[in-house]
Amino acid sequence: MRYTVALEPSEEGIAVWVPSLPGCVSQGETADEALANIAEAIQAYLAVVAENASGFRDSSRRSSSRLIYAQTWLSKDAISTKESR
């Protein structure tokens, strides 16, 4: 399965997260390192979800909840890394 990830420059290098997996975040000094780290974080996140699957309720039963989604796309070249600062 493929997941969209978001990258953003941060004090530590590059922050990265998966908008469709709440709480699935990571970081790295470079974009490549951040992407490798988020791949591991996704695997760990999905393993925990599978382990606890019986504890999750059906999201279709939520009453009047709304999802508001905003996304910013950055090209890998547009992200400054510590090496280029």
N, C-alpha and C. Protein backbone atom coordinates (compact mmCIF):
# COMPACT_ATOMS: atom_id res chain seq x y z
N MET A 1 0.83 -1.17 0.00
CA MET A 1 0.00 0.00 0.00
C MET A 1 0.88 1.24 0.00
N ARG A 2 0.44 2.28 -0.69
CA ARG A 2 1.20 3.53 -0.74
C ARG A 2 0.56 4.57 0.16
N TYR A 3 1.41 5.38 0.78
CA TYR A 3 0.95 6.45 1.64
C TYR A 3 1.59 7.76 1.19
N THR A 4 0.82 8.82 1.21
CA THR A 4 1.34 10.16 0.95
C THR A 4 2.03 10.64 2.21
N VAL A 5 3.22 11.19 2.06
CA VAL A 5 3.93 11.75 3.20
C VAL A 5 4.15 13.23 2.96
N ALA A 6 4.26 13.97 4.04
CA ALA A 6 4.53 15.41 3.97
C ALA A 6 5.89 15.66 4.59
N LEU A 7 6.68 16.51 3.95
CA LEU A 7 8.01 16.87 4.44
C LEU A 7 8.04 18.36 4.70
N GLU A 8 8.77 18.74 5.75
CA GLU A 8 8.86 20.16 6.08
C GLU A 8 10.20 20.42 6.77
N PRO A 9 10.92 21.46 6.36
CA PRO A 9 12.16 21.80 7.06
C PRO A 9 11.88 22.09 8.53
N SER A 10 12.79 21.67 9.39
CA SER A 10 12.64 21.92 10.82
C SER A 10 14.00 22.28 11.41
N GLU A 11 14.01 22.62 12.68
CA GLU A 11 15.26 22.95 13.36
C GLU A 11 16.26 21.79 13.31
N GLU A 12 15.73 20.56 13.33
CA GLU A 12 16.58 19.37 13.37
C GLU A 12 16.94 18.85 11.98
N GLY A 13 16.37 19.39 10.93
CA GLY A 13 16.60 18.90 9.56
C GLY A 13 15.31 18.89 8.78
N ILE A 14 14.72 17.69 8.61
CA ILE A 14 13.48 17.53 7.87
C ILE A 14 12.48 16.75 8.73
N ALA A 15 11.32 17.34 8.96
CA ALA A 15 10.23 16.64 9.64
C ALA A 15 9.38 15.97 8.57
N VAL A 16 8.86 14.79 8.87
CA VAL A 16 8.05 14.04 7.91
C VAL A 16 6.92 13.35 8.66
N TRP A 17 5.74 13.31 8.03
CA TRP A 17 4.59 12.66 8.65
C TRP A 17 3.66 12.13 7.57
N VAL A 18 2.75 11.24 8.01
CA VAL A 18 1.78 10.62 7.11
C VAL A 18 0.40 11.16 7.49
N PRO A 19 -0.17 12.05 6.67
CA PRO A 19 -1.46 12.65 7.03
C PRO A 19 -2.57 11.62 7.28
N SER A 20 -2.54 10.50 6.59
CA SER A 20 -3.61 9.50 6.75
C SER A 20 -3.38 8.56 7.92
N LEU A 21 -2.25 8.67 8.60
CA LEU A 21 -1.95 7.84 9.77
C LEU A 21 -1.64 8.77 10.95
N PRO A 22 -2.64 9.19 11.69
CA PRO A 22 -2.44 10.15 12.79
C PRO A 22 -1.36 9.70 13.77
N GLY A 23 -0.43 10.60 14.03
CA GLY A 23 0.65 10.31 14.96
C GLY A 23 1.85 9.61 14.35
N CYS A 24 1.78 9.28 13.07
CA CYS A 24 2.90 8.63 12.40
C CYS A 24 3.83 9.71 11.87
N VAL A 25 4.87 10.00 12.65
CA VAL A 25 5.80 11.09 12.34
C VAL A 25 7.23 10.60 12.51
N SER A 26 8.15 11.30 11.86
CA SER A 26 9.56 11.02 12.03
C SER A 26 10.34 12.26 11.58
N GLN A 27 11.64 12.11 11.47
CA GLN A 27 12.48 13.21 11.00
C GLN A 27 13.82 12.65 10.57
N GLY A 28 14.61 13.48 9.94
CA GLY A 28 15.95 13.10 9.55
C GLY A 28 16.76 14.35 9.24
N GLU A 29 18.06 14.20 9.16
CA GLU A 29 18.91 15.35 8.83
C GLU A 29 18.76 15.75 7.37
N THR A 30 18.43 14.77 6.51
CA THR A 30 18.22 15.02 5.08
C THR A 30 16.86 14.47 4.68
N ALA A 31 16.39 14.86 3.50
CA ALA A 31 15.12 14.34 3.00
C ALA A 31 15.20 12.82 2.82
N ASP A 32 16.31 12.31 2.30
CA ASP A 32 16.45 10.87 2.12
C ASP A 32 16.40 10.12 3.45
N GLU A 33 17.07 10.66 4.46
CA GLU A 33 17.06 10.02 5.78
C GLU A 33 15.65 10.09 6.38
N ALA A 34 14.97 11.22 6.22
CA ALA A 34 13.61 11.36 6.75
C ALA A 34 12.67 10.36 6.07
N LEU A 35 12.80 10.18 4.76
CA LEU A 35 11.95 9.23 4.04
C LEU A 35 12.22 7.79 4.48
N ALA A 36 13.48 7.46 4.69
CA ALA A 36 13.82 6.11 5.18
C ALA A 36 13.24 5.91 6.58
N ASN A 37 13.33 6.94 7.41
CA ASN A 37 12.81 6.84 8.78
C ASN A 37 11.30 6.72 8.80
N ILE A 38 10.60 7.45 7.92
CA ILE A 38 9.14 7.37 7.93
C ILE A 38 8.67 6.03 7.39
N ALA A 39 9.43 5.42 6.49
CA ALA A 39 9.09 4.07 6.01
C ALA A 39 9.09 3.08 7.17
N GLU A 40 10.10 3.19 8.04
CA GLU A 40 10.15 2.33 9.23
C GLU A 40 9.00 2.66 10.19
N ALA A 41 8.70 3.95 10.34
CA ALA A 41 7.62 4.36 11.24
C ALA A 41 6.27 3.84 10.75
N ILE A 42 6.06 3.85 9.44
CA ILE A 42 4.81 3.32 8.86
C ILE A 42 4.68 1.84 9.19
N GLN A 43 5.75 1.07 9.01
CA GLN A 43 5.71 -0.36 9.31
C GLN A 43 5.38 -0.60 10.78
N ALA A 44 6.01 0.16 11.67
CA ALA A 44 5.75 0.01 13.09
C ALA A 44 4.31 0.41 13.43
N TYR A 45 3.84 1.49 12.84
CA TYR A 45 2.47 1.98 13.06
C TYR A 45 1.47 0.91 12.66
N LEU A 46 1.64 0.35 11.45
CA LEU A 46 0.70 -0.65 10.96
C LEU A 46 0.76 -1.94 11.79
N ALA A 47 1.92 -2.28 12.31
CA ALA A 47 2.04 -3.46 13.17
C ALA A 47 1.23 -3.27 14.45
N VAL A 48 1.29 -2.07 15.02
CA VAL A 48 0.52 -1.78 16.24
C VAL A 48 -0.97 -1.79 15.94
N VAL A 49 -1.36 -1.22 14.80
CA VAL A 49 -2.78 -1.22 14.42
C VAL A 49 -3.28 -2.66 14.26
N ALA A 50 -2.50 -3.50 13.60
CA ALA A 50 -2.90 -4.90 13.40
C ALA A 50 -3.00 -5.62 14.75
N GLU A 51 -2.06 -5.34 15.65
CA GLU A 51 -2.06 -5.95 16.98
C GLU A 51 -3.30 -5.57 17.78
N ASN A 52 -3.73 -4.34 17.61
CA ASN A 52 -4.85 -3.82 18.41
C ASN A 52 -6.14 -3.70 17.61
N ALA A 53 -6.23 -4.38 16.48
CA ALA A 53 -7.38 -4.22 15.58
C ALA A 53 -8.71 -4.45 16.28
N SER A 54 -8.77 -5.36 17.19
CA SER A 54 -10.04 -5.65 17.84
C SER A 54 -10.49 -4.49 18.74
N GLY A 55 -9.58 -3.60 19.11
CA GLY A 55 -9.93 -2.49 19.97
C GLY A 55 -10.41 -1.26 19.22
N PHE A 56 -10.33 -1.25 17.88
CA PHE A 56 -10.75 -0.09 17.11
C PHE A 56 -12.22 -0.18 16.77
N ARG A 57 -12.93 0.92 16.91
CA ARG A 57 -14.35 0.92 16.56
C ARG A 57 -14.52 1.30 15.09
N ASP A 58 -15.64 0.97 14.55
CA ASP A 58 -15.95 1.26 13.15
C ASP A 58 -16.08 2.77 12.97
N SER A 59 -15.23 3.37 12.14
CA SER A 59 -15.25 4.82 11.96
C SER A 59 -16.51 5.30 11.26
N SER A 60 -17.24 4.41 10.60
CA SER A 60 -18.47 4.82 9.93
C SER A 60 -19.59 5.12 10.92
N ARG A 61 -19.38 4.79 12.18
CA ARG A 61 -20.41 5.03 13.21
C ARG A 61 -20.25 6.38 13.89
N ARG A 62 -19.28 7.15 13.49
CA ARG A 62 -19.07 8.46 14.11
C ARG A 62 -20.25 9.37 13.80
N SER A 63 -20.66 10.09 14.81
CA SER A 63 -21.78 11.00 14.61
C SER A 63 -21.29 12.38 14.22
N SER A 64 -21.79 12.91 13.17
CA SER A 64 -21.55 14.27 12.67
C SER A 64 -20.10 14.74 12.75
N SER A 65 -19.13 13.86 12.56
CA SER A 65 -17.74 14.30 12.54
C SER A 65 -17.38 14.72 11.12
N ARG A 66 -16.48 15.70 11.02
CA ARG A 66 -16.04 16.19 9.72
C ARG A 66 -14.53 16.14 9.65
N LEU A 67 -14.00 15.83 8.51
CA LEU A 67 -12.57 15.83 8.29
C LEU A 67 -12.22 17.00 7.40
N ILE A 68 -11.33 17.83 7.87
CA ILE A 68 -10.83 18.94 7.06
C ILE A 68 -9.39 18.62 6.76
N TYR A 69 -9.03 18.62 5.49
CA TYR A 69 -7.71 18.17 5.07
C TYR A 69 -7.04 19.24 4.22
N ALA A 70 -5.86 19.60 4.60
CA ALA A 70 -5.06 20.53 3.81
C ALA A 70 -3.71 19.89 3.57
N GLN A 71 -3.17 20.10 2.41
CA GLN A 71 -1.90 19.47 2.08
C GLN A 71 -1.01 20.45 1.35
N THR A 72 0.26 20.44 1.68
CA THR A 72 1.25 21.25 1.00
C THR A 72 2.23 20.30 0.34
N TRP A 73 2.47 20.53 -0.93
CA TRP A 73 3.41 19.69 -1.67
C TRP A 73 4.73 20.42 -1.81
N LEU A 74 5.81 19.75 -1.48
CA LEU A 74 7.15 20.30 -1.64
C LEU A 74 7.96 19.34 -2.49
N SER A 75 8.69 19.87 -3.41
CA SER A 75 9.59 18.99 -4.15
C SER A 75 10.81 18.76 -3.28
N LYS A 76 11.47 17.66 -3.51
CA LYS A 76 12.66 17.32 -2.74
C LYS A 76 13.71 18.43 -2.88
N ASP A 77 13.79 19.05 -4.06
CA ASP A 77 14.77 20.11 -4.30
C ASP A 77 14.44 21.39 -3.55
N ALA A 78 13.18 21.57 -3.16
CA ALA A 78 12.77 22.80 -2.49
C ALA A 78 13.06 22.75 -1.00
N ILE A 79 13.48 21.61 -0.50
CA ILE A 79 13.72 21.48 0.94
C ILE A 79 15.21 21.71 1.20
N SER A 80 15.49 22.67 2.07
CA SER A 80 16.89 22.91 2.42
C SER A 80 17.27 21.94 3.52
N THR A 81 18.48 21.45 3.46
CA THR A 81 18.95 20.51 4.47
C THR A 81 20.07 21.17 5.25
N LYS A 82 20.47 20.56 6.34
CA LYS A 82 21.54 21.12 7.15
C LYS A 82 22.83 21.31 6.35
N GLU A 83 23.09 20.37 5.43
CA GLU A 83 24.33 20.46 4.64
C GLU A 83 24.35 21.70 3.76
N SER A 84 23.17 22.14 3.29
CA SER A 84 23.15 23.27 2.37
C SER A 84 22.92 24.59 3.07
N ARG A 85 22.77 24.57 4.38
CA ARG A 85 22.54 25.82 5.12
C ARG A 85 23.83 26.55 5.38
